[in-house]
C-alpha atoms as a PDB file:
ATOM      1  CA  MET A   1      97.721 106.706 131.829  1.00  0.00           C
ATOM      2  CA  LYS A   2      94.235 105.204 131.474  1.00  0.00           C
ATOM      3  CA  GLU A   3      91.903 106.331 128.733  1.00  0.00           C
ATOM      4  CA  LYS A   4      88.268 106.803 129.631  1.00  0.00           C
ATOM      5  CA  PHE A   5      85.679 105.201 127.409  1.00  0.00           C
ATOM      6  CA  SER A   6      82.751 107.383 126.458  1.00  0.00           C
ATOM      7  CA  VAL A   7      79.195 106.125 126.030  1.00  0.00           C
ATOM      8  CA  VAL A   8      79.655 106.185 122.237  1.00  0.00           C
ATOM      9  CA  ASP A   9      82.687 103.899 122.556  1.00  0.00           C
ATOM     10  CA  TRP A  10      80.689 101.411 124.655  1.00  0.00           C
ATOM     11  CA  VAL A  11      77.769 101.451 122.202  1.00  0.00           C
ATOM     12  CA  GLY A  12      80.126 100.842 119.283  1.00  0.00           C
ATOM     13  CA  TYR A  13      81.861  98.041 121.189  1.00  0.00           C
ATOM     14  CA  ILE A  14      78.554  96.313 121.970  1.00  0.00           C
ATOM     15  CA  ILE A  15      77.314  96.688 118.378  1.00  0.00           C
ATOM     16  CA  GLY A  16      80.581  95.156 117.150  1.00  0.00           C
ATOM     17  CA  ILE A  17      80.198  92.160 119.471  1.00  0.00           C
ATOM     18  CA  VAL A  18      76.585  91.638 118.335  1.00  0.00           C
ATOM     19  CA  VAL A  19      77.548  91.822 114.649  1.00  0.00           C
ATOM     20  CA  VAL A  20      80.468  89.408 115.044  1.00  0.00           C
ATOM     21  CA  GLY A  21      78.266  87.018 117.038  1.00  0.00           C
ATOM     22  CA  PHE A  22      75.565  87.144 114.365  1.00  0.00           C
ATOM     23  CA  ILE A  23      78.074  86.428 111.581  1.00  0.00           C
ATOM     24  CA  LEU A  24      79.529  83.489 113.533  1.00  0.00           C
ATOM     25  CA  PHE A  25      76.008  82.171 114.171  1.00  0.00           C
ATOM     26  CA  ILE A  26      75.187  82.275 110.454  1.00  0.00           C
ATOM     27  CA  LEU A  27      78.451  80.513 109.574  1.00  0.00           C
ATOM     28  CA  LEU A  28      77.961  77.801 112.219  1.00  0.00           C
ATOM     29  CA  TRP A  29      74.220  77.252 111.678  1.00  0.00           C
ATOM     30  CA  PRO A  30      74.603  74.372 109.157  1.00  0.00           C
ATOM     31  CA  ILE A  31      76.614  72.466 111.785  1.00  0.00           C
ATOM     32  CA  ILE A  32      74.146  73.000 114.654  1.00  0.00           C
ATOM     33  CA  ASP A  33      70.938  72.803 112.580  1.00  0.00           C
ATOM     34  CA  PRO A  34      68.431  70.917 114.809  1.00  0.00           C
ATOM     35  CA  THR A  35      65.922  70.177 112.071  1.00  0.00           C
ATOM     36  CA  PRO A  36      65.416  66.496 111.210  1.00  0.00           C
ATOM     37  CA  ASN A  37      65.966  66.784 107.457  1.00  0.00           C
ATOM     38  CA  LYS A  38      68.756  69.258 106.763  1.00  0.00           C
ATOM     39  CA  SER A  39      68.230  69.314 102.987  1.00  0.00           C
ATOM     40  CA  ALA A  40      64.501  70.101 103.266  1.00  0.00           C
ATOM     41  CA  THR A  41      63.087  73.600 103.224  1.00  0.00           C
ATOM     42  CA  ILE A  42      62.223  75.362 106.455  1.00  0.00           C
ATOM     43  CA  LYS A  43      58.505  75.013 105.695  1.00  0.00           C
ATOM     44  CA  GLU A  44      58.845  71.233 105.243  1.00  0.00           C
ATOM     45  CA  ASN A  45      60.797  70.914 108.486  1.00  0.00           C
ATOM     46  CA  VAL A  46      58.184  72.917 110.427  1.00  0.00           C
ATOM     47  CA  GLU A  47      55.420  70.712 109.020  1.00  0.00           C
ATOM     48  CA  GLN A  48      57.336  67.570 110.052  1.00  0.00           C
ATOM     49  CA  LEU A  49      57.795  68.924 113.583  1.00  0.00           C
ATOM     50  CA  THR A  50      54.192  70.034 114.067  1.00  0.00           C
ATOM     51  CA  PHE A  51      52.194  67.274 112.340  1.00  0.00           C
ATOM     52  CA  LYS A  52      53.668  64.073 113.764  1.00  0.00           C
END
């Protein structure tokens, strides 16, 4: 017998996927960091990108 999902179930499911995706993104960010100098601050990296 199939169970029917209510709207609340779908909303909770989507929120869960978004939260898990966000956590994975934060954990993987140091690996995929596109900035030229990974040890520099964000402000320094933005200045390097904009004032070449």
